[in-house]
């Protein structure tokens, strides 16, 4: 009996797969995948439209699948996110990790990084305060800043060294105390100035600005964007890959993080 089984296995290994058979197998494989993809799309669409808490609809921005079967990633319009099962009866709050061969990979943070890159790409340079130095920059960081923040002042003092290292700094506004604060007014004045970079330097040095603050400026929009992207304090440095680094980082360390220096 054992020899018979081996003989059959040998014959199966030797059998040639004809083009017509290969095409049939491929068609069968695609046909088996399409219903699964369509089912997942139907679930994400239904969750986007029907998720609720205490009978109140949730402000869902989008729902996506995850590598875990039956678990879906929900992002709210506020920027908050969590995970849910297919019928929305159970929620998980926290980060999802992949146990990869190279170690744990934070899939939740990767998703946030991608969202930050996309969101920042939509902000034109004309709405930023830019310090790029003389030479063409090798890397660019976007910094949510507040001129009343001591560590923002410290980071701004390091901008010339960052520029010398080939790192351009693009400022966005994030008044920590809200749009009714002195910091918000100061940044609106900087954005309304004919020379934004000079005005921002004066603001970071705690020098009063005398210009108008009522021009058409993006300070409020950038503050809301910062909250949506998870900014909780300043400075908040966004690297080119979307990774957010909170707080002051010395120039030499930031250069290493950007691949422009040695550890």
Protein backbone atom coordinates (compact mmCIF):
# COMPACT_ATOMS: atom_id res chain seq x y z
CA UNK A 1 0.00 0.00 0.00
CA UNK A 2 2.81 2.41 0.92
CA UNK A 3 4.56 1.78 -2.42
CA UNK A 4 1.34 2.50 -4.30
CA UNK A 5 0.95 5.86 -2.57
CA UNK A 6 4.54 6.79 -3.37
CA UNK A 7 4.04 5.79 -7.00
CA UNK A 8 1.01 8.05 -7.29
CA UNK A 9 2.92 10.94 -5.65
CA UNK A 10 5.81 10.47 -8.11
CA UNK A 11 3.46 10.55 -11.06
CA UNK A 12 1.81 13.72 -9.77
CA UNK A 13 5.20 15.43 -9.47
CA UNK A 14 6.08 14.47 -13.03
CA UNK A 15 2.77 15.63 -14.50
CA UNK A 16 3.13 18.69 -16.72
CA UNK A 17 0.82 21.65 -16.11
CA UNK A 18 -0.46 22.68 -19.53
CA UNK A 19 -1.14 26.33 -20.38
CA UNK A 20 -4.85 25.70 -20.41
CA UNK A 21 -4.68 24.07 -16.99
CA UNK A 22 -2.55 26.93 -15.67
CA UNK A 23 -5.10 29.45 -16.92
CA UNK A 24 -7.92 27.49 -15.32
CA UNK A 25 -6.10 27.36 -11.99
CA UNK A 26 -5.39 31.11 -12.11
CA UNK A 27 -9.02 31.87 -12.90
CA UNK A 28 -10.11 29.68 -10.01
CA UNK A 29 -7.71 31.44 -7.64
CA UNK A 30 -8.91 34.89 -8.66
CA UNK A 31 -12.52 33.83 -8.39
CA UNK A 32 -11.91 32.58 -4.86
CA UNK A 33 -10.27 35.86 -3.80
CA UNK A 34 -12.81 38.30 -5.27
CA UNK A 35 -15.71 37.30 -3.01
CA UNK A 36 -13.46 37.70 0.05
CA UNK A 37 -12.37 41.20 -1.03
CA UNK A 38 -15.94 42.19 -1.85
CA UNK A 39 -17.09 40.89 1.54
CA UNK A 40 -14.40 42.95 3.33
CA UNK A 41 -15.37 46.06 1.37
CA UNK A 42 -19.00 45.55 2.30
CA UNK A 43 -18.11 45.28 5.99
CA UNK A 44 -15.93 48.41 6.02
CA UNK A 45 -18.67 50.35 4.22
CA UNK A 46 -21.32 49.15 6.65
CA UNK A 47 -19.17 49.97 9.67
CA UNK A 48 -18.47 53.45 8.28
CA UNK A 49 -22.20 54.10 8.06
CA UNK A 50 -23.52 52.33 11.15
CA UNK A 51 -21.03 52.55 14.03
CA UNK A 52 -22.69 54.09 17.07
CA UNK A 53 -22.35 54.40 20.85
CA UNK A 54 -25.43 54.73 23.06
CA UNK A 55 -27.50 55.10 19.92
CA UNK A 56 -25.46 58.09 18.72
CA UNK A 57 -23.65 57.73 15.37
CA UNK A 58 -19.88 58.01 15.55
CA UNK A 59 -18.10 60.60 13.35
CA UNK A 60 -16.24 57.99 11.28
CA UNK A 61 -13.76 59.24 8.69
CA UNK A 62 -12.91 55.82 7.29
CA UNK A 63 -12.68 52.12 8.13
CA UNK A 64 -9.98 49.81 6.79
CA UNK A 65 -9.11 46.14 7.08
CA UNK A 66 -6.19 44.86 9.18
CA UNK A 67 -3.97 41.76 8.88
CA UNK A 68 -6.05 40.21 11.68
CA UNK A 69 -9.11 38.45 10.30
CA UNK A 70 -12.36 39.98 11.54
CA UNK A 71 -10.67 43.08 13.03
CA UNK A 72 -11.07 46.51 11.39
CA UNK A 73 -9.30 49.84 11.95
CA UNK A 74 -11.59 52.83 12.52
CA UNK A 75 -10.42 56.42 12.23
CA UNK A 76 -12.69 59.18 13.49
CA UNK A 77 -12.94 62.68 12.07
CA UNK A 78 -11.20 63.93 15.24
CA UNK A 79 -8.10 61.90 14.35
CA UNK A 80 -8.68 59.31 17.08
CA UNK A 81 -8.62 55.64 16.09
CA UNK A 82 -9.50 52.23 17.47
CA UNK A 83 -10.29 48.69 16.32
CA UNK A 84 -13.64 46.93 16.03
CA UNK A 85 -15.02 43.54 15.11
CA UNK A 86 -17.19 43.04 12.04
CA UNK A 87 -20.51 43.93 13.67
CA UNK A 88 -19.23 46.84 15.79
CA UNK A 89 -20.18 45.18 19.06
CA UNK A 90 -16.67 45.25 20.56
CA UNK A 91 -13.90 47.86 20.44
CA UNK A 92 -10.16 47.67 21.08
CA UNK A 93 -8.17 50.82 21.90
CA UNK A 94 -4.40 50.67 21.51
CA UNK A 95 -1.70 49.79 19.02
CA UNK A 96 -1.66 46.77 16.72
CA UNK A 97 1.73 45.08 16.35
CA UNK A 98 3.00 42.60 13.80
CA UNK A 99 5.23 39.90 15.24
CA UNK A 100 7.66 39.96 12.32
CA UNK A 101 10.93 38.08 11.88
CA UNK A 102 12.85 41.29 12.56
CA UNK A 103 10.88 42.01 15.74
CA UNK A 104 7.67 43.81 16.67
CA UNK A 105 6.35 46.28 14.09
CA UNK A 106 3.85 48.88 15.23
CA UNK A 107 1.27 48.81 12.43
CA UNK A 108 -0.87 51.47 14.11
CA UNK A 109 2.01 53.94 14.21
CA UNK A 110 2.90 53.14 10.60
CA UNK A 111 -0.65 54.02 9.58
CA UNK A 112 -0.46 57.29 11.50
CA UNK A 113 2.85 58.13 9.83
CA UNK A 114 1.31 57.64 6.39
CA UNK A 115 -1.63 59.86 7.33
CA UNK A 116 0.74 62.60 8.53
CA UNK A 117 2.74 62.48 5.29
CA UNK A 118 -0.44 62.79 3.22
CA UNK A 119 -1.85 65.60 5.36
CA UNK A 120 1.35 67.67 5.34
CA UNK A 121 1.76 67.20 1.59
CA UNK A 122 -1.48 69.12 1.15
CA UNK A 123 -0.05 72.24 2.83
CA UNK A 124 1.72 74.46 0.27
CA UNK A 125 5.03 76.07 1.12
CA UNK A 126 3.32 79.45 0.85
CA UNK A 127 1.44 78.66 4.07
CA UNK A 128 4.57 77.70 6.04
CA UNK A 129 7.37 79.66 7.67
CA UNK A 130 10.47 78.24 6.01
CA UNK A 131 14.14 78.20 7.04
CA UNK A 132 16.18 76.32 4.44
CA UNK A 133 19.66 77.81 4.52
CA UNK A 134 21.81 78.66 1.51
CA UNK A 135 22.36 75.24 -0.04
CA UNK A 136 19.76 72.82 -1.34
CA UNK A 137 18.44 70.91 1.71
CA UNK A 138 19.18 67.22 2.08
CA UNK A 139 16.13 66.68 4.29
CA UNK A 140 13.13 68.66 5.53
CA UNK A 141 11.38 68.50 8.87
CA UNK A 142 8.00 70.05 9.62
CA UNK A 143 7.69 71.49 13.13
CA UNK A 144 4.49 72.45 14.93
CA UNK A 145 5.66 75.37 17.06
CA UNK A 146 4.52 77.84 19.71
CA UNK A 147 6.72 80.92 20.37
CA UNK A 148 5.73 80.91 24.06
CA UNK A 149 7.20 77.40 24.48
CA UNK A 150 10.74 77.34 25.99
CA UNK A 151 11.78 74.24 24.07
CA UNK A 152 10.48 75.78 20.82
CA UNK A 153 12.75 78.74 21.52
CA UNK A 154 15.65 76.35 22.11
CA UNK A 155 14.93 74.51 18.86
CA UNK A 156 14.73 77.78 16.97
CA UNK A 157 18.16 78.76 18.27
CA UNK A 158 19.44 75.57 16.63
CA UNK A 159 17.86 76.32 13.22
CA UNK A 160 21.06 77.88 11.74
CA UNK A 161 23.03 74.74 12.69
CA UNK A 162 20.30 72.53 11.26
CA UNK A 163 20.45 74.48 8.01
CA UNK A 164 24.22 74.07 7.91
CA UNK A 165 23.73 70.32 8.26
CA UNK A 166 21.41 70.38 5.25
CA UNK A 167 18.16 70.21 7.22
CA UNK A 168 15.39 72.62 6.23
CA UNK A 169 12.86 73.57 8.90
CA UNK A 170 9.24 74.30 7.98
CA UNK A 171 7.13 75.78 10.78
CA UNK A 172 3.41 75.23 11.24
CA UNK A 173 1.41 76.95 13.97
CA UNK A 174 0.24 75.19 17.11
CA UNK A 175 -0.73 77.63 19.89
CA UNK A 176 -0.90 75.27 22.89
CA UNK A 177 -3.43 77.40 24.78
CA UNK A 178 -5.80 77.66 21.83
CA UNK A 179 -6.78 80.29 19.32
CA UNK A 180 -7.68 82.85 21.99
CA UNK A 181 -4.14 82.89 23.38
CA UNK A 182 -1.33 85.42 23.04
CA UNK A 183 0.69 82.77 21.19
CA UNK A 184 -2.04 82.48 18.55
CA UNK A 185 -2.10 86.26 18.06
CA UNK A 186 1.69 86.39 17.84
CA UNK A 187 1.77 83.66 15.18
CA UNK A 188 -1.04 85.32 13.21
CA UNK A 189 1.05 88.49 13.22
CA UNK A 190 4.06 86.52 11.99
CA UNK A 191 2.05 84.97 9.16
CA UNK A 192 0.65 88.40 8.24
CA UNK A 193 4.13 89.90 8.10
CA UNK A 194 5.86 90.69 4.81
CA UNK A 195 8.87 88.76 6.13
CA UNK A 196 7.51 85.73 7.97
CA UNK A 197 10.84 84.16 8.88
CA UNK A 198 12.12 87.38 10.41
CA UNK A 199 8.87 87.92 12.30
CA UNK A 200 8.87 84.33 13.57
CA UNK A 201 12.45 84.71 14.83
CA UNK A 202 11.43 87.82 16.75
CA UNK A 203 8.42 85.98 18.20
CA UNK A 204 10.61 83.02 19.23
CA UNK A 205 12.90 85.51 21.00
CA UNK A 206 9.87 86.86 22.90
CA UNK A 207 10.03 90.20 21.13
CA UNK A 208 6.64 91.86 20.60
CA UNK A 209 5.24 92.06 17.09
CA UNK A 210 3.34 95.17 16.09
CA UNK A 211 1.84 94.11 12.75
CA UNK A 212 -1.77 93.13 12.07
CA UNK A 213 -3.14 89.70 12.96
CA UNK A 214 -6.39 89.83 10.98
CA UNK A 215 -5.10 88.96 7.52
CA UNK A 216 -6.14 85.76 5.75
CA UNK A 217 -3.80 83.33 7.53
CA UNK A 218 -3.72 79.56 8.17
CA UNK A 219 -2.93 79.57 11.91
CA UNK A 220 -6.33 78.24 13.03
CA UNK A 221 -6.36 75.56 10.32
CA UNK A 222 -2.86 74.43 11.22
CA UNK A 223 -3.78 74.27 14.91
CA UNK A 224 -6.74 72.02 14.09
CA UNK A 225 -4.55 69.91 11.82
CA UNK A 226 -2.01 69.46 14.59
CA UNK A 227 -4.68 68.20 16.96
CA UNK A 228 -5.97 65.80 14.29
CA UNK A 229 -2.46 64.44 13.73
CA UNK A 230 -1.91 63.77 17.42
CA UNK A 231 0.18 66.79 18.42
CA UNK A 232 -0.04 67.17 22.20
CA UNK A 233 2.80 69.58 22.85
CA UNK A 234 5.44 71.68 21.17
CA UNK A 235 7.76 71.47 19.46
CA UNK A 236 6.41 68.48 17.55
CA UNK A 237 8.86 67.47 14.83
CA UNK A 238 7.52 65.49 11.87
CA UNK A 239 10.19 63.57 9.95
CA UNK A 240 9.91 62.96 6.18
CA UNK A 241 8.46 59.47 6.77
CA UNK A 242 5.70 60.89 8.96
CA UNK A 243 7.20 59.85 12.30
CA UNK A 244 6.44 62.40 15.00
CA UNK A 245 9.19 63.25 17.48
CA UNK A 246 7.89 65.23 20.47
CA UNK A 247 10.04 67.83 22.16
CA UNK A 248 13.42 69.38 21.53
CA UNK A 249 16.01 67.25 19.72
CA UNK A 250 19.67 68.38 19.50
CA UNK A 251 20.87 69.02 15.92
CA UNK A 252 23.39 66.17 15.92
CA UNK A 253 20.78 63.67 17.07
CA UNK A 254 18.20 64.91 14.57
CA UNK A 255 20.79 64.59 11.80
CA UNK A 256 21.35 60.95 12.77
CA UNK A 257 17.59 60.30 12.74
CA UNK A 258 17.49 61.71 9.21
CA UNK A 259 20.44 59.61 8.05
CA UNK A 260 22.71 62.64 7.76
CA UNK A 261 25.12 61.88 10.58
CA UNK A 262 26.93 59.18 12.50
CA UNK A 263 25.74 57.71 15.78
